[in-house]
Amino acid sequence: RALVQRGDATSHDFWVFCGYSGWTANQLQDELERGAWSMVATDSKTLLQELQTQSLSVREPREAGIHTWELLMSMIGRKEEALISAGGFYDFMLREWA
């Protein structure tokens, strides 16, 4: 708030995330084995760059997660899979959680 009040930043310069996710014993491992999750190795620089790009180009914040999902899927060679599922249930859920 102090940065905004001093004029050093605007409210659009910040992203705030909150939420909760929890699993029962072995639930996450079971989901991984079923292929319900995709894992990608990245670094904070990649994610921060993506957030900065999204903050400058996306009018609807809930859409930002869709582009990030496609980026990360392309990093593991699964961009086509992300594009095929575009607009479906998973995009809907991502928008609801964003």
C-alpha atoms as a PDB file:
ATOM      1  CA  ARG A   1       0.000   0.000   0.000  1.00  0.00           C
ATOM      2  CA  ALA A   2       2.790   2.389   0.865  1.00  0.00           C
ATOM      3  CA  LEU A   3       4.264   2.084  -2.646  1.00  0.00           C
ATOM      4  CA  VAL A   4       0.903   2.909  -4.212  1.00  0.00           C
ATOM      5  CA  GLN A   5       0.218   5.731  -1.778  1.00  0.00           C
ATOM      6  CA  ARG A   6       3.651   7.278  -2.519  1.00  0.00           C
ATOM      7  CA  GLY A   7       3.051   6.925  -6.256  1.00  0.00           C
ATOM      8  CA  ASP A   8       5.968   4.500  -6.703  1.00  0.00           C
ATOM      9  CA  ALA A   9       3.612   1.824  -8.048  1.00  0.00           C
ATOM     10  CA  THR A  10       0.016   1.255  -9.067  1.00  0.00           C
ATOM     11  CA  SER A  11      -2.299  -1.494  -7.934  1.00  0.00           C
ATOM     12  CA  HIS A  12      -1.776  -3.105 -11.365  1.00  0.00           C
ATOM     13  CA  ASP A  13       1.895  -3.720 -10.492  1.00  0.00           C
ATOM     14  CA  PHE A  14       0.969  -6.429  -7.977  1.00  0.00           C
ATOM     15  CA  TRP A  15      -0.485  -9.912  -8.142  1.00  0.00           C
ATOM     16  CA  VAL A  16      -1.932 -11.505  -5.038  1.00  0.00           C
ATOM     17  CA  PHE A  17      -2.495 -15.236  -4.840  1.00  0.00           C
ATOM     18  CA  CYS A  18      -4.172 -17.155  -2.083  1.00  0.00           C
ATOM     19  CA  GLY A  19      -5.691 -20.547  -1.797  1.00  0.00           C
ATOM     20  CA  TYR A  20      -5.464 -23.948  -0.284  1.00  0.00           C
ATOM     21  CA  SER A  21      -4.822 -27.350  -1.680  1.00  0.00           C
ATOM     22  CA  GLY A  22      -4.690 -30.540   0.306  1.00  0.00           C
ATOM     23  CA  TRP A  23      -4.490 -34.270  -0.254  1.00  0.00           C
ATOM     24  CA  THR A  24      -5.206 -37.316   1.822  1.00  0.00           C
ATOM     25  CA  ALA A  25      -2.470 -39.872   2.428  1.00  0.00           C
ATOM     26  CA  ASN A  26      -1.137 -41.182  -0.928  1.00  0.00           C
ATOM     27  CA  GLN A  27      -3.734 -39.198  -2.915  1.00  0.00           C
ATOM     28  CA  LEU A  28      -1.159 -37.063  -4.726  1.00  0.00           C
ATOM     29  CA  GLN A  29       0.985 -40.103  -5.536  1.00  0.00           C
ATOM     30  CA  ASP A  30      -2.080 -41.890  -6.915  1.00  0.00           C
ATOM     31  CA  GLU A  31      -2.970 -38.865  -9.050  1.00  0.00           C
ATOM     32  CA  LEU A  32       0.599 -38.695 -10.379  1.00  0.00           C
ATOM     33  CA  GLU A  33       0.529 -42.392 -11.287  1.00  0.00           C
ATOM     34  CA  ARG A  34      -2.810 -41.927 -13.111  1.00  0.00           C
ATOM     35  CA  GLY A  35      -1.324 -39.070 -15.148  1.00  0.00           C
ATOM     36  CA  ALA A  36      -3.636 -36.475 -13.630  1.00  0.00           C
ATOM     37  CA  TRP A  37      -0.698 -34.093 -13.144  1.00  0.00           C
ATOM     38  CA  SER A  38       1.973 -32.874 -15.514  1.00  0.00           C
ATOM     39  CA  MET A  39       5.320 -31.980 -14.005  1.00  0.00           C
ATOM     40  CA  VAL A  40       7.696 -29.447 -15.501  1.00  0.00           C
ATOM     41  CA  ALA A  41      10.974 -28.155 -14.146  1.00  0.00           C
ATOM     42  CA  THR A  42      11.374 -24.403 -14.359  1.00  0.00           C
ATOM     43  CA  ASP A  43      12.867 -21.604 -12.363  1.00  0.00           C
ATOM     44  CA  SER A  44      11.466 -18.548 -10.671  1.00  0.00           C
ATOM     45  CA  LYS A  45      12.795 -16.301 -13.467  1.00  0.00           C
ATOM     46  CA  THR A  46      10.598 -18.077 -16.043  1.00  0.00           C
ATOM     47  CA  LEU A  47       7.526 -17.797 -13.843  1.00  0.00           C
ATOM     48  CA  LEU A  48       8.182 -14.168 -12.910  1.00  0.00           C
ATOM     49  CA  GLN A  49       8.714 -13.271 -16.586  1.00  0.00           C
ATOM     50  CA  GLU A  50       5.424 -14.951 -17.431  1.00  0.00           C
ATOM     51  CA  LEU A  51       3.607 -13.062 -14.683  1.00  0.00           C
ATOM     52  CA  GLN A  52       5.089  -9.787 -15.908  1.00  0.00           C
ATOM     53  CA  THR A  53       4.098 -10.523 -19.505  1.00  0.00           C
ATOM     54  CA  GLN A  54       0.592 -11.426 -18.398  1.00  0.00           C
ATOM     55  CA  SER A  55       0.219  -8.305 -16.281  1.00  0.00           C
ATOM     56  CA  LEU A  56       0.975  -6.151 -19.326  1.00  0.00           C
ATOM     57  CA  SER A  57      -1.093  -7.994 -21.918  1.00  0.00           C
ATOM     58  CA  VAL A  58      -4.073  -9.693 -20.284  1.00  0.00           C
ATOM     59  CA  ARG A  59      -7.167  -7.646 -19.536  1.00  0.00           C
ATOM     60  CA  GLU A  60      -8.962 -10.422 -17.660  1.00  0.00           C
ATOM     61  CA  PRO A  61      -6.664 -11.764 -14.903  1.00  0.00           C
ATOM     62  CA  ARG A  62      -8.381 -15.168 -14.943  1.00  0.00           C
ATOM     63  CA  GLU A  63      -7.125 -15.649 -18.522  1.00  0.00           C
ATOM     64  CA  ALA A  64      -3.483 -15.329 -17.426  1.00  0.00           C
ATOM     65  CA  GLY A  65      -3.387 -18.885 -16.142  1.00  0.00           C
ATOM     66  CA  ILE A  66      -4.458 -20.270 -19.520  1.00  0.00           C
ATOM     67  CA  HIS A  67      -1.434 -18.800 -21.296  1.00  0.00           C
ATOM     68  CA  THR A  68       0.892 -19.940 -18.506  1.00  0.00           C
ATOM     69  CA  TRP A  69      -0.542 -23.460 -18.764  1.00  0.00           C
ATOM     70  CA  GLU A  70       0.128 -23.524 -22.513  1.00  0.00           C
ATOM     71  CA  LEU A  71       3.664 -22.204 -21.978  1.00  0.00           C
ATOM     72  CA  LEU A  72       4.501 -24.835 -19.369  1.00  0.00           C
ATOM     73  CA  MET A  73       2.941 -27.628 -21.425  1.00  0.00           C
ATOM     74  CA  SER A  74       5.037 -26.564 -24.421  1.00  0.00           C
ATOM     75  CA  MET A  75       8.146 -26.725 -22.216  1.00  0.00           C
ATOM     76  CA  ILE A  76       7.543 -30.448 -21.732  1.00  0.00           C
ATOM     77  CA  GLY A  77       6.568 -31.125 -25.343  1.00  0.00           C
ATOM     78  CA  ARG A  78       2.817 -31.261 -24.712  1.00  0.00           C
ATOM     79  CA  LYS A  79       1.617 -27.988 -26.267  1.00  0.00           C
ATOM     80  CA  GLU A  80      -0.641 -29.827 -28.723  1.00  0.00           C
ATOM     81  CA  GLU A  81      -2.407 -31.513 -25.807  1.00  0.00           C
ATOM     82  CA  ALA A  82      -2.974 -28.124 -24.165  1.00  0.00           C
ATOM     83  CA  LEU A  83      -4.350 -26.666 -27.396  1.00  0.00           C
ATOM     84  CA  ILE A  84      -6.691 -29.623 -27.977  1.00  0.00           C
ATOM     85  CA  SER A  85      -8.191 -29.196 -24.515  1.00  0.00           C
ATOM     86  CA  ALA A  86      -8.513 -25.395 -24.898  1.00  0.00           C
ATOM     87  CA  GLY A  87     -11.890 -24.072 -23.870  1.00  0.00           C
ATOM     88  CA  GLY A  88     -12.830 -27.284 -22.101  1.00  0.00           C
ATOM     89  CA  PHE A  89     -13.393 -28.309 -18.509  1.00  0.00           C
ATOM     90  CA  TYR A  90      -9.789 -27.805 -17.378  1.00  0.00           C
ATOM     91  CA  ASP A  91      -9.682 -24.245 -18.715  1.00  0.00           C
ATOM     92  CA  PHE A  92     -12.964 -23.574 -16.938  1.00  0.00           C
ATOM     93  CA  MET A  93     -11.539 -24.893 -13.666  1.00  0.00           C
ATOM     94  CA  LEU A  94      -8.311 -22.925 -14.095  1.00  0.00           C
ATOM     95  CA  ARG A  95     -10.308 -19.729 -14.578  1.00  0.00           C
ATOM     96  CA  GLU A  96     -12.387 -20.481 -11.490  1.00  0.00           C
ATOM     97  CA  TRP A  97      -9.290 -20.989  -9.339  1.00  0.00           C
ATOM     98  CA  ALA A  98      -7.357 -18.018 -10.742  1.00  0.00           C
END
